[in-house]
Amino acid sequence: MLFGGGKKTSGGPIGIDVGNHTVRMIQFTQEGDRLVALAAAARELDRDLGHDGGDRYHHAVTQAVRDMLSSGKFQGHTAVSCLPAAGVQYKNIRLPKMPHDELASAVTWEAGERLKLSSDAMNIQFFDAGEVYQGQETRQEVILLAAPKGFIEDHIRSLQVCDLELTAIDAVPSALARCITTAGADHENEDFVRVVIDIGHSSTKVLITRGQRICFFKLIEIGGQHMDDAIACSMELPASAAAEVRREWMAGQSTPESDARVIAALGPVVSDLSREINLCLRYYSVTFRGRRPEDAIVVGGESGNLWLWAKLCDEAGLKPSADEHMSNLDLTAVSDVVGGPDQWPAWTVAVGLSQRQVSSPKRKSRGAA
C-alpha cells in the first residue's frame, strides 16, 4: 500500500475523506465529458474523540464507513482515501538542482537529517514544486510530506475491515489540486496560478498551484475549533453550545442579534488567519518571483458562510474566485446529501479522491516509498 501512490485503473473508486470530525464518501461514473455522481454519504464523528489517531477514533471511522456503505448505493469495493491532514508533517526544503529520478533518495536523506525521522518509522512523499533562485544559485523547491507508518497502517485497517479494496492512501494536497485543476477553461494553462484555502475543523490548508504543479502547501493551525472557542469565550457559553451557535450562523438560521455577536467574536480569529495566509502568498511570490496571486477558491467543511469568505479574502488582499471546480460534475443523484452549491466546497477533498482514477492529471510528485 502506497502513501500517495497507486496505479491508474478503470472504474470509479469511492473517494473517502476522513477528517477529524466528519467522514465524507462520494463515487462517480464517467459519462462523456462529465462525471455523474452515483452515491454520496456523510457522517459526523463524536467531537470528544479528538484526532490523535487513537483506537477510539479509528473504531469510530470504521463504524461511520460501514453505516454509509450499508445504504446500498455505492457500487463495488474500490476506494481511495486520505489521512487527516493533522496526522501528516509538511515542510518546504530546498535542494541542489538534480535529475528527478535522484530526488527521492535526496529527500529521504533530508527528512532524516532535518526532521530527525527514521525511514523505518515514517512514510515519505514529496512534491517537486519547481526551480527557484537562492541568491544567484538555482535550487530545487520540494514540499516534503511525512506520516508515521503506524498511523497509516491503522487508517488502512479501519477501512479494510469494511471490505474495501484501497488502491491508494492519497495526500490532501493532491486531492485538492486534482479537483481544482481539472475544471475551468484555464486548466491546461501551465502558467495559471490558483490559490485554494481549505478551512477545516482544527486547521486551514493553503494550496497554491501553477498549471498542474503543486507549488506551495501549508497547514495553519487555525480552524473551526478556534472559532468555536472564540464564540464560547465571548458569549460565555460551553463549547458544545458555542459550536451549535456557529453552525446556525453558518446555515443562516440565527437571529440578527446573534449574528452580530458571532461576527464580533470571530473578528480576531479571522484576522489572525488572514495574516497567516498573507505570509503564504508573500512566500510564494518571493520564492517563485511571480506576481502575488489575487484570487482564491475557499473550500472546506468550515467555509460555508459568505461573511467568512468575504472577511477572510478582504483582509488577505484576495478576491473570491468564481467557483468552477465542480462545474463538470452532475450531482443531481446526491443533491439530498451534498446540498446546494453553497455546501459543495465541503466535498472538495472527497471529490478529488474519487477522481484519482477517473480523471487524474499527470502530477509532478513522487513517493519515496
Protein backbone atom coordinates (compact mmCIF):
# COMPACT_ATOMS: atom_id res chain seq x y z
CA MET A 1 0.00 0.00 0.00
CA LEU A 2 1.40 3.35 -1.03
CA PHE A 3 1.01 6.72 0.68
CA GLY A 4 0.15 8.86 -2.32
CA GLY A 5 0.90 6.08 -4.83
CA GLY A 6 -1.13 3.56 -6.73
CA LYS A 7 -1.72 2.74 -10.39
CA LYS A 8 -4.45 4.22 -12.52
CA THR A 9 -7.23 1.73 -13.21
CA SER A 10 -10.64 1.87 -14.86
CA GLY A 11 -13.86 2.49 -12.98
CA GLY A 12 -14.89 4.98 -10.35
CA PRO A 13 -13.47 4.45 -6.88
CA ILE A 14 -15.23 5.66 -3.75
CA GLY A 15 -13.49 8.78 -2.50
CA ILE A 16 -13.31 8.67 1.31
CA ASP A 17 -12.35 11.93 3.01
CA VAL A 18 -11.58 11.06 6.63
CA GLY A 19 -11.41 14.29 8.59
CA ASN A 20 -11.03 14.97 12.27
CA HIS A 21 -14.77 15.08 12.92
CA THR A 22 -16.51 14.18 9.64
CA VAL A 23 -16.21 11.34 7.14
CA ARG A 24 -17.45 12.01 3.59
CA MET A 25 -17.77 9.46 0.80
CA ILE A 26 -18.64 10.05 -2.85
CA GLN A 27 -18.49 7.99 -6.04
CA PHE A 28 -18.79 8.94 -9.72
CA THR A 29 -19.08 7.33 -13.10
CA GLN A 30 -17.82 8.91 -16.33
CA GLU A 31 -20.45 9.77 -18.95
CA GLY A 32 -18.87 11.55 -21.88
CA ASP A 33 -17.10 14.67 -20.61
CA ARG A 34 -18.99 14.76 -17.33
CA LEU A 35 -18.68 12.93 -14.05
CA VAL A 36 -22.05 11.76 -12.77
CA ALA A 37 -22.42 11.06 -9.06
CA LEU A 38 -23.63 7.58 -8.18
CA ALA A 39 -23.70 7.87 -4.39
CA ALA A 40 -22.63 10.11 -1.53
CA ALA A 41 -22.87 9.98 2.25
CA ALA A 42 -21.50 11.83 5.27
CA ARG A 43 -21.26 11.06 8.98
CA GLU A 44 -20.12 13.24 11.85
CA LEU A 45 -17.85 11.70 14.45
CA ASP A 46 -18.08 12.31 18.18
CA ARG A 47 -16.22 15.60 18.74
CA ASP A 48 -14.86 14.28 22.03
CA LEU A 49 -12.77 11.69 20.20
CA GLY A 50 -10.02 14.11 19.30
CA HIS A 51 -7.87 13.45 16.24
CA ASP A 52 -4.80 11.79 17.72
CA GLY A 53 -5.38 8.59 15.77
CA GLY A 54 -6.20 6.51 18.83
CA ASP A 55 -8.20 3.28 18.83
CA ARG A 56 -11.50 5.02 19.64
CA TYR A 57 -11.04 7.37 16.70
CA HIS A 58 -10.27 4.60 14.20
CA HIS A 59 -13.14 2.48 15.53
CA ALA A 60 -15.48 5.45 15.02
CA VAL A 61 -14.23 5.87 11.43
CA THR A 62 -14.85 2.17 10.75
CA GLN A 63 -18.38 2.36 12.09
CA ALA A 64 -19.15 5.51 10.11
CA VAL A 65 -17.91 3.97 6.85
CA ARG A 66 -19.87 0.75 7.48
CA ASP A 67 -23.03 2.75 8.09
CA MET A 68 -22.58 4.67 4.85
CA LEU A 69 -21.80 1.59 2.79
CA SER A 70 -24.93 -0.10 4.14
CA SER A 71 -27.05 2.37 2.19
CA GLY A 72 -26.52 0.07 -0.77
CA LYS A 73 -25.98 2.89 -3.26
CA PHE A 74 -22.21 2.61 -3.55
CA GLN A 75 -21.01 0.25 -6.27
CA GLY A 76 -18.05 -2.10 -5.90
CA HIS A 77 -15.38 -2.14 -3.21
CA THR A 78 -12.60 0.01 -4.70
CA ALA A 79 -11.74 3.14 -2.73
CA VAL A 80 -9.19 5.93 -2.39
CA SER A 81 -8.77 7.65 0.96
CA CYS A 82 -6.50 10.20 2.60
CA LEU A 83 -5.04 10.70 6.03
CA PRO A 84 -6.36 13.53 8.20
CA ALA A 85 -4.07 16.50 7.48
CA ALA A 86 -3.16 16.79 11.17
CA GLY A 87 -1.55 13.33 11.01
CA VAL A 88 1.00 14.41 8.39
CA GLN A 89 4.08 16.62 8.74
CA TYR A 90 4.69 19.16 5.96
CA LYS A 91 7.90 21.06 5.29
CA ASN A 92 9.37 23.06 2.42
CA ILE A 93 13.02 22.26 1.69
CA ARG A 94 15.49 23.36 -0.98
CA LEU A 95 17.95 21.03 -2.63
CA PRO A 96 20.62 21.41 -5.28
CA LYS A 97 19.22 21.04 -8.78
CA MET A 98 19.31 17.37 -9.77
CA PRO A 99 17.58 14.88 -12.10
CA HIS A 100 14.09 13.97 -10.91
CA ASP A 101 14.99 10.29 -10.51
CA GLU A 102 17.60 11.26 -7.88
CA LEU A 103 15.23 13.42 -5.84
CA ALA A 104 13.61 10.55 -3.93
CA SER A 105 16.79 9.41 -2.19
CA ALA A 106 17.87 13.01 -1.56
CA VAL A 107 14.51 13.91 0.01
CA THR A 108 14.58 10.78 2.19
CA TRP A 109 18.04 11.72 3.47
CA GLU A 110 16.99 15.34 4.10
CA ALA A 111 13.90 14.17 6.00
CA GLY A 112 16.07 12.12 8.30
CA GLU A 113 18.52 14.96 8.87
CA ARG A 114 16.14 17.90 9.22
CA LEU A 115 13.13 16.29 10.87
CA LYS A 116 15.03 13.54 12.69
CA LEU A 117 12.78 10.98 11.04
CA SER A 118 13.63 7.32 10.56
CA SER A 119 12.62 5.85 7.21
CA ASP A 120 11.68 2.70 9.11
CA ALA A 121 9.08 4.58 11.14
CA MET A 122 7.84 7.16 8.63
CA ASN A 123 6.43 7.04 5.11
CA ILE A 124 7.70 9.92 3.00
CA GLN A 125 6.26 11.58 -0.09
CA PHE A 126 7.25 14.80 -1.81
CA PHE A 127 6.08 17.26 -4.43
CA ASP A 128 8.59 18.76 -6.83
CA ALA A 129 7.49 22.41 -6.64
CA GLY A 130 9.95 23.56 -9.32
CA GLU A 131 13.14 25.54 -9.69
CA VAL A 132 13.75 28.65 -7.57
CA TYR A 133 16.61 31.08 -7.16
CA GLN A 134 18.52 31.38 -3.92
CA GLY A 135 20.77 34.36 -4.50
CA GLN A 136 22.34 33.65 -7.88
CA GLU A 137 22.04 29.88 -7.48
CA THR A 138 19.27 27.70 -8.92
CA ARG A 139 17.75 25.35 -6.35
CA GLN A 140 15.00 22.74 -6.31
CA GLU A 141 11.97 23.60 -4.13
CA VAL A 142 10.44 20.46 -2.61
CA ILE A 143 7.37 20.03 -0.40
CA LEU A 144 8.03 17.16 1.99
CA LEU A 145 5.20 15.11 3.49
CA ALA A 146 5.85 12.52 6.20
CA ALA A 147 3.46 10.34 8.18
CA PRO A 148 4.09 7.63 10.81
CA LYS A 149 3.77 4.18 9.28
CA GLY A 150 1.78 3.01 12.29
CA PHE A 151 -0.77 5.78 11.75
CA ILE A 152 -1.09 4.85 8.07
CA GLU A 153 -1.50 1.16 8.91
CA ASP A 154 -4.22 1.92 11.47
CA HIS A 155 -6.01 4.06 8.89
CA ILE A 156 -5.81 1.30 6.30
CA ARG A 157 -7.12 -1.32 8.74
CA SER A 158 -10.05 0.89 9.77
CA LEU A 159 -11.23 0.84 6.13
CA GLN A 160 -10.20 -2.65 5.07
CA VAL A 161 -12.36 -4.25 7.78
CA CYS A 162 -15.26 -2.63 5.92
CA ASP A 163 -14.46 -4.97 2.98
CA LEU A 164 -12.98 -2.12 0.93
CA GLU A 165 -10.09 -2.50 -1.51
CA LEU A 166 -7.88 0.59 -1.11
CA THR A 167 -5.96 1.42 -4.27
CA ALA A 168 -4.12 4.31 -2.60
CA ILE A 169 -3.84 6.43 0.51
CA ASP A 170 -3.60 9.84 -1.07
CA ALA A 171 -2.45 13.17 0.34
CA VAL A 172 -4.77 16.13 0.98
CA PRO A 173 -2.77 18.49 -1.30
CA SER A 174 -3.08 16.00 -4.18
CA ALA A 175 -6.83 15.60 -3.70
CA LEU A 176 -7.41 19.36 -3.52
CA ALA A 177 -5.26 20.03 -6.57
CA ARG A 178 -6.85 17.21 -8.57
CA CYS A 179 -10.34 18.58 -8.01
CA ILE A 180 -9.37 22.22 -8.63
CA THR A 181 -7.06 21.87 -11.62
CA THR A 182 -9.32 19.66 -13.76
CA ALA A 183 -12.05 22.30 -14.03
CA GLY A 184 -12.27 25.67 -15.71
CA ALA A 185 -11.09 26.99 -19.03
CA ASP A 186 -7.52 27.54 -17.79
CA HIS A 187 -6.79 24.05 -16.51
CA GLU A 188 -4.34 23.38 -19.36
CA ASN A 189 -2.51 26.71 -18.89
CA GLU A 190 0.81 25.89 -17.23
CA ASP A 191 1.20 29.50 -16.03
CA PHE A 192 -2.25 29.81 -14.45
CA VAL A 193 -1.95 30.21 -10.66
CA ARG A 194 -4.67 29.05 -8.27
CA VAL A 195 -4.92 29.64 -4.52
CA VAL A 196 -7.09 27.24 -2.52
CA ILE A 197 -7.97 27.95 1.12
CA ASP A 198 -9.40 24.84 2.78
CA ILE A 199 -10.89 25.67 6.19
CA GLY A 200 -11.25 22.57 8.36
CA HIS A 201 -12.13 21.92 11.98
CA SER A 202 -8.65 22.00 13.51
CA SER A 203 -6.66 23.71 10.76
CA THR A 204 -6.70 25.61 7.49
CA LYS A 205 -4.78 24.38 4.47
CA VAL A 206 -3.33 26.80 1.90
CA LEU A 207 -2.55 25.31 -1.50
CA ILE A 208 -1.03 27.17 -4.45
CA THR A 209 -0.83 25.52 -7.85
CA ARG A 210 0.62 26.71 -11.14
CA GLY A 211 -0.76 24.77 -14.05
CA GLN A 212 -0.72 21.14 -12.98
CA ARG A 213 2.10 21.63 -10.47
CA ILE A 214 1.71 21.95 -6.70
CA CYS A 215 4.00 24.85 -5.78
CA PHE A 216 3.07 25.52 -2.17
CA PHE A 217 1.19 23.88 0.68
CA LYS A 218 0.94 24.87 4.31
CA LEU A 219 -1.17 23.76 7.24
CA ILE A 220 -2.17 26.66 9.52
CA GLU A 221 -3.37 25.64 12.95
CA ILE A 222 -6.47 27.83 12.91
CA GLY A 223 -9.83 26.30 12.06
CA GLY A 224 -13.43 25.84 13.14
CA GLN A 225 -12.44 24.70 16.63
CA HIS A 226 -10.68 28.01 17.24
CA MET A 227 -13.77 29.87 16.02
CA ASP A 228 -15.93 27.87 18.44
CA ASP A 229 -13.51 28.68 21.27
CA ALA A 230 -13.71 32.39 20.44
CA ILE A 231 -17.51 32.32 20.50
CA ALA A 232 -17.54 30.34 23.74
CA CYS A 233 -15.24 32.90 25.39
CA SER A 234 -17.04 35.96 24.05
CA MET A 235 -20.57 34.72 24.80
CA GLU A 236 -19.63 32.77 27.94
CA LEU A 237 -21.03 29.53 26.55
CA PRO A 238 -19.99 25.87 26.91
CA ALA A 239 -18.01 24.56 23.94
CA SER A 240 -20.90 22.46 22.61
CA ALA A 241 -23.31 25.39 22.75
CA ALA A 242 -20.80 27.66 21.01
CA ALA A 243 -20.39 25.11 18.23
CA GLU A 244 -24.17 24.98 17.76
CA VAL A 245 -24.39 28.79 17.65
CA ARG A 246 -21.76 28.89 14.91
CA ARG A 247 -23.45 26.10 12.92
CA GLU A 248 -26.73 28.01 13.00
CA TRP A 249 -24.92 31.17 11.92
CA MET A 250 -23.19 29.38 9.02
CA ALA A 251 -26.54 27.95 7.90
CA GLY A 252 -28.24 31.36 8.04
CA GLN A 253 -30.60 30.21 10.78
CA SER A 254 -29.61 32.61 13.57
CA THR A 255 -31.09 35.94 14.63
CA PRO A 256 -29.59 39.32 13.64
CA GLU A 257 -28.56 39.88 17.27
CA SER A 258 -26.81 36.51 17.41
CA ASP A 259 -25.18 37.21 14.04
CA ALA A 260 -23.67 40.42 15.35
CA ARG A 261 -22.25 38.71 18.43
CA VAL A 262 -20.79 35.85 16.39
CA ILE A 263 -19.16 38.24 13.93
CA ALA A 264 -17.66 40.29 16.75
CA ALA A 265 -16.25 37.14 18.37
CA LEU A 266 -14.81 35.79 15.13
CA GLY A 267 -13.14 39.02 14.03
CA PRO A 268 -9.77 38.47 15.79
CA VAL A 269 -9.59 34.78 14.74
CA VAL A 270 -10.25 35.61 11.09
CA SER A 271 -7.69 38.43 11.22
CA ASP A 272 -5.07 36.01 12.56
CA LEU A 273 -5.89 33.53 9.82
CA SER A 274 -5.77 36.23 7.14
CA ARG A 275 -2.35 37.33 8.37
CA GLU A 276 -1.03 33.76 8.08
CA ILE A 277 -2.48 33.43 4.56
CA ASN A 278 -0.79 36.71 3.62
CA LEU A 279 2.55 35.26 4.71
CA CYS A 280 1.92 32.21 2.49
CA LEU A 281 1.23 34.42 -0.52
CA ARG A 282 4.32 36.51 0.18
CA TYR A 283 6.47 33.37 0.40
CA TYR A 284 5.13 32.18 -2.94
CA SER A 285 5.68 35.49 -4.75
CA VAL A 286 9.22 35.90 -3.37
CA THR A 287 10.22 32.26 -3.88
CA PHE A 288 8.94 31.92 -7.43
CA ARG A 289 9.47 35.59 -8.34
CA GLY A 290 5.97 35.93 -9.69
CA ARG A 291 3.11 38.30 -9.16
CA ARG A 292 1.28 37.88 -5.89
CA PRO A 293 -1.91 35.83 -6.53
CA GLU A 294 -5.10 37.87 -6.34
CA ASP A 295 -7.88 35.26 -6.45
CA ALA A 296 -8.72 32.42 -4.06
CA ILE A 297 -11.09 29.48 -4.01
CA VAL A 298 -12.39 28.93 -0.47
CA VAL A 299 -13.42 25.35 0.35
CA GLY A 300 -13.69 23.01 3.33
CA GLY A 301 -16.27 21.92 5.85
CA GLU A 302 -15.96 25.15 7.84
CA SER A 303 -16.14 27.56 4.90
CA GLY A 304 -19.89 27.76 4.41
CA ASN A 305 -20.61 31.40 5.28
CA LEU A 306 -20.48 34.36 2.91
CA TRP A 307 -19.31 36.77 5.63
CA LEU A 308 -16.41 34.47 6.46
CA TRP A 309 -15.40 34.22 2.79
CA ALA A 310 -15.59 37.96 2.27
CA LYS A 311 -13.81 38.90 5.51
CA LEU A 312 -11.03 36.37 5.03
CA CYS A 313 -10.33 37.32 1.43
CA ASP A 314 -10.61 41.06 2.09
CA GLU A 315 -8.07 41.01 4.93
CA ALA A 316 -5.74 38.73 2.96
CA GLY A 317 -5.92 41.03 -0.06
CA LEU A 318 -7.69 38.43 -2.18
CA LYS A 319 -10.97 38.24 -4.03
CA PRO A 320 -13.10 35.08 -4.05
CA SER A 321 -12.66 33.26 -7.36
CA ALA A 322 -15.54 32.01 -9.43
CA ASP A 323 -16.31 28.53 -8.10
CA GLU A 324 -15.81 26.37 -11.21
CA HIS A 325 -14.08 23.36 -9.73
CA MET A 326 -17.30 21.33 -9.60
CA SER A 327 -18.78 22.66 -12.84
CA ASN A 328 -18.02 19.38 -14.65
CA LEU A 329 -19.92 17.31 -12.08
CA ASP A 330 -23.51 16.10 -12.19
CA LEU A 331 -24.55 15.91 -8.52
CA THR A 332 -28.27 15.51 -9.17
CA ALA A 333 -28.50 11.98 -7.74
CA VAL A 334 -26.82 13.02 -4.46
CA SER A 335 -28.22 16.53 -4.00
CA ASP A 336 -30.04 15.44 -0.84
CA VAL A 337 -26.64 14.62 0.72
CA VAL A 338 -24.23 17.21 -0.70
CA GLY A 339 -26.79 20.03 -0.62
CA GLY A 340 -26.75 23.08 -2.87
CA PRO A 341 -23.78 24.90 -4.42
CA ASP A 342 -23.08 26.76 -1.17
CA GLN A 343 -22.35 23.38 0.50
CA TRP A 344 -20.31 21.81 -2.30
CA PRO A 345 -16.95 23.25 -1.09
CA ALA A 346 -17.08 20.88 1.89
CA TRP A 347 -16.82 17.97 -0.58
CA THR A 348 -13.74 19.16 -2.47
CA VAL A 349 -11.28 16.65 -0.95
CA ALA A 350 -13.70 13.71 -1.29
CA VAL A 351 -14.33 14.61 -4.93
CA GLY A 352 -10.60 14.92 -5.60
CA LEU A 353 -10.02 11.47 -4.10
CA SER A 354 -12.76 9.93 -6.22
CA GLN A 355 -11.22 11.45 -9.35
CA ARG A 356 -7.83 9.89 -8.74
CA GLN A 357 -8.52 7.05 -11.17
CA VAL A 358 -11.26 8.71 -13.20
CA SER A 359 -9.57 11.86 -14.45
CA SER A 360 -6.29 12.19 -12.60
CA PRO A 361 -3.94 14.63 -14.38
CA LYS A 362 -0.22 13.94 -14.54
CA ARG A 363 1.16 15.46 -11.39
CA LYS A 364 4.77 16.23 -10.64
CA SER A 365 5.07 14.31 -7.41
CA ARG A 366 6.74 11.16 -6.26
CA GLY A 367 6.66 8.95 -3.22
CA ALA A 368 9.85 7.76 -1.67
CA ALA A 369 8.20 4.54 -0.51
